[in-house]
Protein backbone atom coordinates (compact mmCIF):
# COMPACT_ATOMS: atom_id res chain seq x y z
CA MET A 1 -16.02 -12.51 1.12
CA PRO A 2 -15.16 -10.77 4.29
CA PRO A 3 -15.32 -6.46 4.51
CA THR A 4 -12.38 -4.68 2.91
CA VAL A 5 -11.45 -1.03 4.39
CA SER A 6 -8.99 0.98 3.22
CA ASN A 7 -7.25 4.41 3.93
CA ILE A 8 -6.19 7.03 1.26
CA SER A 9 -2.97 5.58 -0.27
CA PRO A 10 -4.50 2.61 -2.43
CA PHE A 11 -6.79 4.65 -3.95
CA ILE A 12 -4.34 7.80 -4.55
CA TRP A 13 -2.02 5.38 -6.41
CA LEU A 14 -4.28 2.97 -8.29
CA ALA A 15 -6.39 6.44 -9.74
CA LYS A 16 -3.02 7.78 -11.03
CA ILE A 17 -2.45 5.21 -12.98
CA GLY A 18 -5.73 4.25 -14.05
CA LYS A 19 -6.70 0.88 -12.08
CA LEU A 20 -8.73 2.13 -9.21
CA ASP A 21 -11.58 -0.40 -11.01
CA LEU A 22 -9.39 -3.42 -9.75
CA LEU A 23 -10.60 -2.62 -6.03
CA LYS A 24 -13.94 -2.75 -7.51
CA GLU A 25 -13.15 -6.50 -9.22
CA LEU A 26 -11.36 -8.19 -6.90
CA PHE A 27 -13.82 -6.86 -3.65
CA GLY A 28 -17.04 -5.84 -4.75
CA GLU A 29 -17.24 -3.02 -1.82
CA VAL A 30 -14.51 -0.83 -0.23
CA VAL A 31 -15.31 0.55 2.86
CA ILE A 32 -13.59 4.12 3.81
CA SER A 33 -13.98 6.58 6.68
CA GLU A 34 -15.34 10.43 5.81
CA GLU A 35 -11.71 11.49 6.72
CA THR A 36 -10.38 9.59 4.15
CA CYS A 37 -12.85 10.59 1.66
CA LYS A 38 -12.58 14.08 2.00
CA GLU A 39 -9.01 13.81 1.72
CA ALA A 40 -9.58 11.62 -1.34
CA VAL A 41 -12.08 13.65 -2.88
CA GLU A 42 -12.80 16.93 -1.35
CA LYS A 43 -9.60 18.23 -0.58
CA GLY A 44 -8.10 16.50 -4.22
CA LEU A 45 -10.33 18.44 -5.87
CA GLU A 46 -9.79 22.06 -4.12
CA GLU A 47 -5.54 21.23 -5.21
CA GLY A 48 -6.76 20.20 -8.61
CA PHE A 49 -5.26 16.43 -8.99
CA SER A 50 -6.97 14.61 -11.42
CA ASP A 51 -6.80 11.37 -9.47
CA ALA A 52 -9.39 12.96 -6.81
CA LEU A 53 -12.14 12.79 -10.31
CA VAL A 54 -11.59 9.31 -10.69
CA ILE A 55 -12.36 8.58 -7.40
CA LYS A 56 -15.45 10.49 -6.93
CA ASP A 57 -16.69 8.76 -10.14
CA ALA A 58 -15.76 5.23 -8.17
CA TYR A 59 -18.07 7.07 -5.38
CA GLU A 60 -20.72 8.10 -7.33
CA GLN A 61 -20.74 4.57 -8.80
CA ARG A 62 -21.48 3.39 -4.95
CA TRP A 63 -18.81 0.87 -4.47
CA ILE A 64 -17.02 2.87 -1.90
CA LYS A 65 -18.64 2.75 1.16
CA VAL A 66 -18.31 5.94 3.22
CA LYS A 67 -18.57 5.17 7.37
CA THR A 68 -19.20 7.48 9.57
CA LEU A 69 -17.59 7.05 13.27
CA ASN A 70 -19.73 6.63 15.85
CA LYS A 71 -18.82 8.56 19.07
CA ASN A 72 -16.97 6.03 20.65
CA GLN A 73 -15.07 5.39 17.78
CA ILE A 74 -14.10 8.55 17.56
CA ALA A 75 -13.20 8.26 20.78
CA VAL A 76 -10.51 5.40 20.32
CA CYS A 77 -9.11 7.19 17.56
CA GLU A 78 -8.34 10.08 19.29
CA LYS A 79 -6.81 8.34 22.23
CA VAL A 80 -4.51 6.64 19.40
CA MET A 81 -3.43 9.69 17.95
CA GLN A 82 -2.38 11.11 21.57
CA HIS A 83 0.26 8.03 21.78
CA SER A 84 0.95 7.15 18.11
CA PHE A 85 2.14 10.46 17.07
CA GLU A 86 3.73 9.07 13.29
CA LEU A 87 -0.15 7.84 12.31
CA HIS A 88 -2.46 9.89 10.46
CA LYS A 89 -6.06 11.02 11.45
CA GLY A 90 -7.30 8.51 8.09
CA GLU A 91 -4.88 5.89 8.73
CA VAL A 92 -5.97 5.37 12.23
CA GLN A 93 -9.65 5.22 11.63
CA ALA A 94 -9.32 2.80 8.55
CA ILE A 95 -8.04 0.61 11.23
CA VAL A 96 -10.67 1.47 13.90
CA LEU A 97 -13.54 0.52 11.32
CA ALA A 98 -11.55 -2.57 9.75
CA ARG A 99 -11.04 -3.79 13.67
CA GLU A 100 -14.99 -3.56 14.36
CA ALA A 101 -15.96 -4.62 10.58
CA ALA A 102 -15.08 -8.29 10.99
CA LYS A 103 -12.32 -10.63 12.48
CA ASP A 104 -11.35 -11.53 8.65
CA ALA A 105 -11.79 -7.57 7.18
CA LEU A 106 -8.78 -6.71 5.05
CA LEU A 107 -7.28 -3.34 5.50
CA LEU A 108 -5.76 -2.19 2.89
CA MET A 109 -2.96 0.42 3.43
CA ASP A 110 0.97 1.13 2.30
CA ASP A 111 2.36 3.53 5.22
CA SER A 112 4.41 0.87 6.72
CA SER A 113 3.90 3.16 10.51
CA GLY A 114 0.20 2.44 9.84
CA ARG A 115 0.74 -1.21 8.66
CA ALA A 116 2.62 -2.22 12.07
CA PHE A 117 0.42 -0.99 13.93
CA ALA A 118 -2.85 -2.54 12.92
CA GLU A 119 -1.15 -6.10 12.23
CA ALA A 120 -0.11 -6.07 15.83
CA ARG A 121 -3.67 -5.34 16.51
CA GLY A 122 -4.38 -8.70 14.50
CA LEU A 123 -5.80 -6.84 11.08
CA LYS A 124 -4.54 -8.70 8.01
CA VAL A 125 -3.29 -6.00 5.99
CA LYS A 126 -2.02 -5.20 2.15
CA GLY A 127 -1.78 -3.01 -0.28
CA VAL A 128 -1.46 -1.95 -3.51
CA LEU A 129 1.64 -4.63 -4.54
CA TYR A 130 -0.81 -7.29 -3.01
CA THR A 131 -3.84 -5.47 -5.09
CA ILE A 132 -1.64 -5.99 -8.44
CA ILE A 133 -0.40 -9.77 -7.98
CA ALA A 134 -4.01 -10.59 -6.46
CA ALA A 135 -5.43 -9.23 -10.16
CA LEU A 136 -2.75 -11.20 -12.13
CA ARG A 137 -4.07 -14.13 -10.21
CA ASN A 138 -7.65 -13.66 -10.75
CA GLU A 139 -6.53 -12.81 -14.38
CA LEU A 140 -8.10 -9.62 -14.42
CA LEU A 141 -4.21 -8.74 -15.59
CA ASP A 142 -1.46 -10.92 -17.21
CA LYS A 143 2.03 -11.11 -16.69
CA ALA A 144 2.38 -8.05 -18.99
CA GLN A 145 -0.12 -5.53 -18.27
CA ALA A 146 1.14 -6.69 -14.20
CA LYS A 147 5.06 -5.38 -15.09
CA GLU A 148 3.88 -2.59 -16.73
CA THR A 149 1.33 -1.36 -13.82
CA VAL A 150 4.71 -1.78 -11.87
CA LEU A 151 6.29 0.16 -14.10
CA THR A 152 3.96 2.76 -14.05
CA LEU A 153 3.65 3.25 -10.32
CA VAL A 154 7.31 3.99 -9.92
CA LYS A 155 7.00 6.36 -12.51
CA LYS A 156 4.62 7.95 -10.73
CA GLY A 157 6.37 8.40 -7.69
CA PHE A 158 5.92 5.10 -6.22
CA ARG A 159 9.57 4.75 -4.95
CA ILE A 160 10.58 0.89 -5.91
CA LEU A 161 12.02 0.17 -2.39
CA ALA A 162 8.19 0.67 -0.85
CA VAL A 163 7.41 -2.55 -3.89
CA ILE A 164 10.59 -4.59 -2.31
CA ASN A 165 10.31 -3.73 1.24
CA PRO A 166 10.35 -6.82 3.35
CA ALA A 167 9.15 -5.01 6.46
CA MET A 168 5.57 -4.40 4.21
CA HIS A 169 5.34 -7.50 2.04
CA PRO A 170 5.52 -10.93 2.71
CA ALA A 171 8.53 -12.65 0.92
CA GLU A 172 5.52 -14.41 -1.58
CA GLU A 173 4.59 -10.99 -2.43
CA THR A 174 7.86 -9.63 -3.07
CA GLN A 175 9.00 -12.60 -5.47
CA ALA A 176 5.75 -12.75 -7.50
CA VAL A 177 6.78 -8.58 -8.25
CA LEU A 178 10.40 -9.64 -9.15
CA GLY A 179 8.99 -12.77 -11.05
CA LEU A 180 7.12 -9.81 -13.31
CA PHE A 181 10.78 -9.03 -14.13
CA ASP A 182 12.40 -12.66 -14.42
CA GLY A 183 13.91 -11.02 -11.09
CA GLU A 184 15.87 -12.61 -8.09
CA MET A 185 16.93 -10.69 -5.35
CA ASP A 186 18.50 -11.50 -1.68
CA ILE A 187 18.48 -9.63 1.50
CA TYR A 188 20.62 -10.82 4.23
CA GLU A 189 22.29 -9.33 7.40
CA LYS A 190 25.45 -9.23 8.28
CA GLU A 191 27.89 -7.13 11.04
CA THR A 192 28.86 -3.71 10.50
CA PRO A 193 30.88 -1.45 12.80
CA GLU A 194 27.48 -0.12 14.08
CA GLY A 195 26.22 -3.38 14.17
CA VAL A 196 23.78 -5.85 12.96
CA SER A 197 22.19 -4.61 9.35
CA SER A 198 20.04 -5.41 6.86
CA PHE A 199 21.98 -5.71 3.14
CA LEU A 200 19.88 -5.82 -0.24
CA ARG A 201 21.53 -7.39 -3.52
CA ILE A 202 19.40 -7.55 -6.82
CA ARG A 203 20.87 -10.75 -8.49
CA ARG A 204 19.26 -10.03 -11.89
CA MET A 205 16.27 -8.23 -13.15
CA THR A 206 15.47 -8.88 -17.23
CA GLY A 207 15.22 -5.93 -18.75
CA GLN A 208 15.49 -3.29 -16.15
CA LYS A 209 18.46 -0.98 -15.23
CA TYR A 210 19.13 -1.92 -11.16
CA SER A 211 22.69 -1.49 -9.35
CA LYS A 212 24.10 -4.50 -8.89
CA GLU A 213 25.89 -3.05 -5.73
CA GLU A 214 25.11 -4.26 -2.23
CA ILE A 215 22.74 -1.36 -0.33
CA GLN A 216 22.40 -1.15 3.25
CA LEU A 217 18.71 -1.10 4.32
CA THR A 218 18.67 1.56 6.57
CA SER A 219 15.25 2.67 8.83
CA GLU A 220 14.48 5.52 6.61
CA MET A 221 14.43 3.52 3.48
CA LEU A 222 12.66 0.87 4.77
CA GLU A 223 9.96 3.03 6.18
CA LYS A 224 9.52 5.70 3.70
CA GLY A 225 11.14 3.82 0.51
CA ILE A 226 13.56 6.38 -0.28
CA GLY A 227 16.22 5.93 -3.19
CA ASN A 228 15.40 3.91 -6.50
CA ILE A 229 17.56 1.20 -6.67
CA ALA A 230 16.19 0.63 -9.99
CA THR A 231 14.79 2.59 -12.96
């Protein structure tokens, strides 16, 4: 199995909804940097976040492997951060570790800026959505459980546009999530007074309230997942 490297976001979201063990069951072990470990556990415990306890327990079970960057890797991270201000230290460290782990390494990351940067350098990048769909396909979750997992993510603050953001997830994964709700959507471009823009319209989503109006996808919405179109 190819090595799996992660930054902080997949750990936090899966810990919040009690599904962190999916990473262990799917990938065996997951590599994180010291910065990610400190952010997830030490800082989390200091600020009283319950998910930090869940991550700490997983670390003590030894399926989370903490890697210390060497001097060359640190230098690469510092150089990247000097030119890519939108990237966080933990994200850059995860990208560097993944690039040096193996050619077919999997990087788990949900931030769109970090994903774009990593993909531009040839890395295979996935996130929380991929983990849920992979768990469904590997029969770790049934359809009802996967659907409830997505709903719980949204209730915990995972913005619905981040779930169906076409800039972050392949069409196959996006449709797989919509399929949990027997849903369909269209994403298309058309001319506006400001130029060509992307739009989204949900055609149906069984059992969920959603906007039936055409929604213009602004760059801010795509990058940050701002605004709920389904609740």
